[in-house]
Amino acid sequence: RAVAETEIARRYLTARVTRVVQVRTEFGITYWHVDTDKGERDFVVQSLSESCLWLSDDHLLLTDTDGNRFEIASR
C-alpha cells in the first residue's frame, strides 16, 4: 500500500485548497485563485460538471485544464 500511495502522489499532483481567494465564471469557464498547501495558485476549470467530483458531502476534487488536481474539504 505504501508503495502504491507514493507512486500515486508522485504521478498525480493534488494540492489541498486552504482558502478560496476568488472565483469567477465567464462563458462556462471558471477561473480560480486559491491558497493551497503548496502555495498560491491560479487555475482554470473548463466545465464544472465534467471536472468536479464530489468525494463526500464536504469533500470536492477539481481537475483543471492542465490535469492538476485540487482538493477542497471542510476539514
C-alpha atoms as a PDB file:
ATOM      1  CA  ARG A   1       0.000   0.000   0.000  1.00  0.00           C
ATOM      2  CA  ALA A   2       2.786   2.433   0.881  1.00  0.00           C
ATOM      3  CA  VAL A   3       4.445   1.915  -2.499  1.00  0.00           C
ATOM      4  CA  ALA A   4       1.138   2.488  -4.317  1.00  0.00           C
ATOM      5  CA  GLU A   5       0.406   5.673  -2.334  1.00  0.00           C
ATOM      6  CA  THR A   6       3.899   7.016  -3.013  1.00  0.00           C
ATOM      7  CA  GLU A   7       3.569   6.363  -6.741  1.00  0.00           C
ATOM      8  CA  ILE A   8       0.120   7.945  -6.916  1.00  0.00           C
ATOM      9  CA  ALA A   9       1.365  11.038  -5.070  1.00  0.00           C
ATOM     10  CA  ARG A  10       4.310  11.309  -7.463  1.00  0.00           C
ATOM     11  CA  ARG A  11       2.213  10.996 -10.623  1.00  0.00           C
ATOM     12  CA  TYR A  12      -0.862  12.988  -9.659  1.00  0.00           C
ATOM     13  CA  LEU A  13      -0.295  16.407  -8.157  1.00  0.00           C
ATOM     14  CA  THR A  14      -3.075  17.042  -5.690  1.00  0.00           C
ATOM     15  CA  ALA A  15      -2.992  20.335  -3.844  1.00  0.00           C
ATOM     16  CA  ARG A  16      -5.246  20.879  -0.841  1.00  0.00           C
ATOM     17  CA  VAL A  17      -7.028  24.223  -1.028  1.00  0.00           C
ATOM     18  CA  THR A  18      -6.754  26.059   2.274  1.00  0.00           C
ATOM     19  CA  ARG A  19      -8.539  29.239   1.165  1.00  0.00           C
ATOM     20  CA  VAL A  20     -10.503  30.296  -1.894  1.00  0.00           C
ATOM     21  CA  VAL A  21      -9.459  33.873  -2.640  1.00  0.00           C
ATOM     22  CA  GLN A  22     -11.530  34.467  -5.775  1.00  0.00           C
ATOM     23  CA  VAL A  23     -13.702  32.515  -8.208  1.00  0.00           C
ATOM     24  CA  ARG A  24     -15.243  33.908 -11.364  1.00  0.00           C
ATOM     25  CA  THR A  25     -17.076  32.279 -14.239  1.00  0.00           C
ATOM     26  CA  GLU A  26     -17.208  33.538 -17.807  1.00  0.00           C
ATOM     27  CA  PHE A  27     -18.941  31.641 -20.595  1.00  0.00           C
ATOM     28  CA  GLY A  28     -18.818  28.338 -18.715  1.00  0.00           C
ATOM     29  CA  ILE A  29     -15.127  28.610 -17.810  1.00  0.00           C
ATOM     30  CA  THR A  30     -14.310  29.015 -14.107  1.00  0.00           C
ATOM     31  CA  TYR A  31     -11.195  30.892 -13.013  1.00  0.00           C
ATOM     32  CA  TRP A  32      -9.893  30.120  -9.517  1.00  0.00           C
ATOM     33  CA  HIS A  33      -7.392  31.977  -7.337  1.00  0.00           C
ATOM     34  CA  VAL A  34      -6.651  29.948  -4.198  1.00  0.00           C
ATOM     35  CA  ASP A  35      -4.156  29.335  -1.424  1.00  0.00           C
ATOM     36  CA  THR A  36      -3.052  25.700  -1.133  1.00  0.00           C
ATOM     37  CA  ASP A  37      -0.719  23.593   0.945  1.00  0.00           C
ATOM     38  CA  LYS A  38       1.741  24.042  -1.949  1.00  0.00           C
ATOM     39  CA  GLY A  39       1.386  27.839  -2.171  1.00  0.00           C
ATOM     40  CA  GLU A  40      -0.787  30.338  -4.010  1.00  0.00           C
ATOM     41  CA  ARG A  41      -2.290  29.046  -7.265  1.00  0.00           C
ATOM     42  CA  ASP A  42      -4.386  30.229 -10.185  1.00  0.00           C
ATOM     43  CA  PHE A  43      -6.115  27.610 -12.301  1.00  0.00           C
ATOM     44  CA  VAL A  44      -8.882  27.242 -14.862  1.00  0.00           C
ATOM     45  CA  VAL A  45     -11.680  24.663 -14.928  1.00  0.00           C
ATOM     46  CA  GLN A  46     -13.316  24.204 -18.321  1.00  0.00           C
ATOM     47  CA  SER A  47     -16.602  22.598 -17.290  1.00  0.00           C
ATOM     48  CA  LEU A  48     -17.509  22.181 -13.635  1.00  0.00           C
ATOM     49  CA  SER A  49     -19.959  19.386 -14.444  1.00  0.00           C
ATOM     50  CA  GLU A  50     -17.160  17.343 -16.056  1.00  0.00           C
ATOM     51  CA  SER A  51     -14.182  18.461 -13.944  1.00  0.00           C
ATOM     52  CA  CYS A  52     -15.710  18.315 -10.477  1.00  0.00           C
ATOM     53  CA  LEU A  53     -16.034  15.139  -8.424  1.00  0.00           C
ATOM     54  CA  TRP A  54     -17.732  15.066  -5.031  1.00  0.00           C
ATOM     55  CA  LEU A  55     -15.816  12.578  -2.860  1.00  0.00           C
ATOM     56  CA  SER A  56     -18.236  13.128   0.043  1.00  0.00           C
ATOM     57  CA  ASP A  57     -20.758  15.740   1.169  1.00  0.00           C
ATOM     58  CA  ASP A  58     -17.963  18.140   2.125  1.00  0.00           C
ATOM     59  CA  HIS A  59     -15.019  16.994   0.011  1.00  0.00           C
ATOM     60  CA  LEU A  60     -14.585  18.133  -3.586  1.00  0.00           C
ATOM     61  CA  LEU A  61     -11.949  17.228  -6.176  1.00  0.00           C
ATOM     62  CA  LEU A  62     -11.418  19.635  -9.081  1.00  0.00           C
ATOM     63  CA  THR A  63      -9.306  18.876 -12.147  1.00  0.00           C
ATOM     64  CA  ASP A  64      -8.021  21.887 -14.074  1.00  0.00           C
ATOM     65  CA  THR A  65      -7.400  22.198 -17.807  1.00  0.00           C
ATOM     66  CA  ASP A  66      -3.788  21.017 -17.323  1.00  0.00           C
ATOM     67  CA  GLY A  67      -4.825  17.870 -15.422  1.00  0.00           C
ATOM     68  CA  ASN A  68      -3.771  19.164 -11.982  1.00  0.00           C
ATOM     69  CA  ARG A  69      -5.985  18.183  -9.075  1.00  0.00           C
ATOM     70  CA  PHE A  70      -7.207  20.416  -6.289  1.00  0.00           C
ATOM     71  CA  GLU A  71      -8.994  19.153  -3.184  1.00  0.00           C
ATOM     72  CA  ILE A  72     -11.429  21.285  -1.243  1.00  0.00           C
ATOM     73  CA  ALA A  73     -12.572  19.825   2.079  1.00  0.00           C
ATOM     74  CA  SER A  74     -14.294  21.300   5.099  1.00  0.00           C
ATOM     75  CA  ARG A  75     -11.605  19.820   7.364  1.00  0.00           C
END
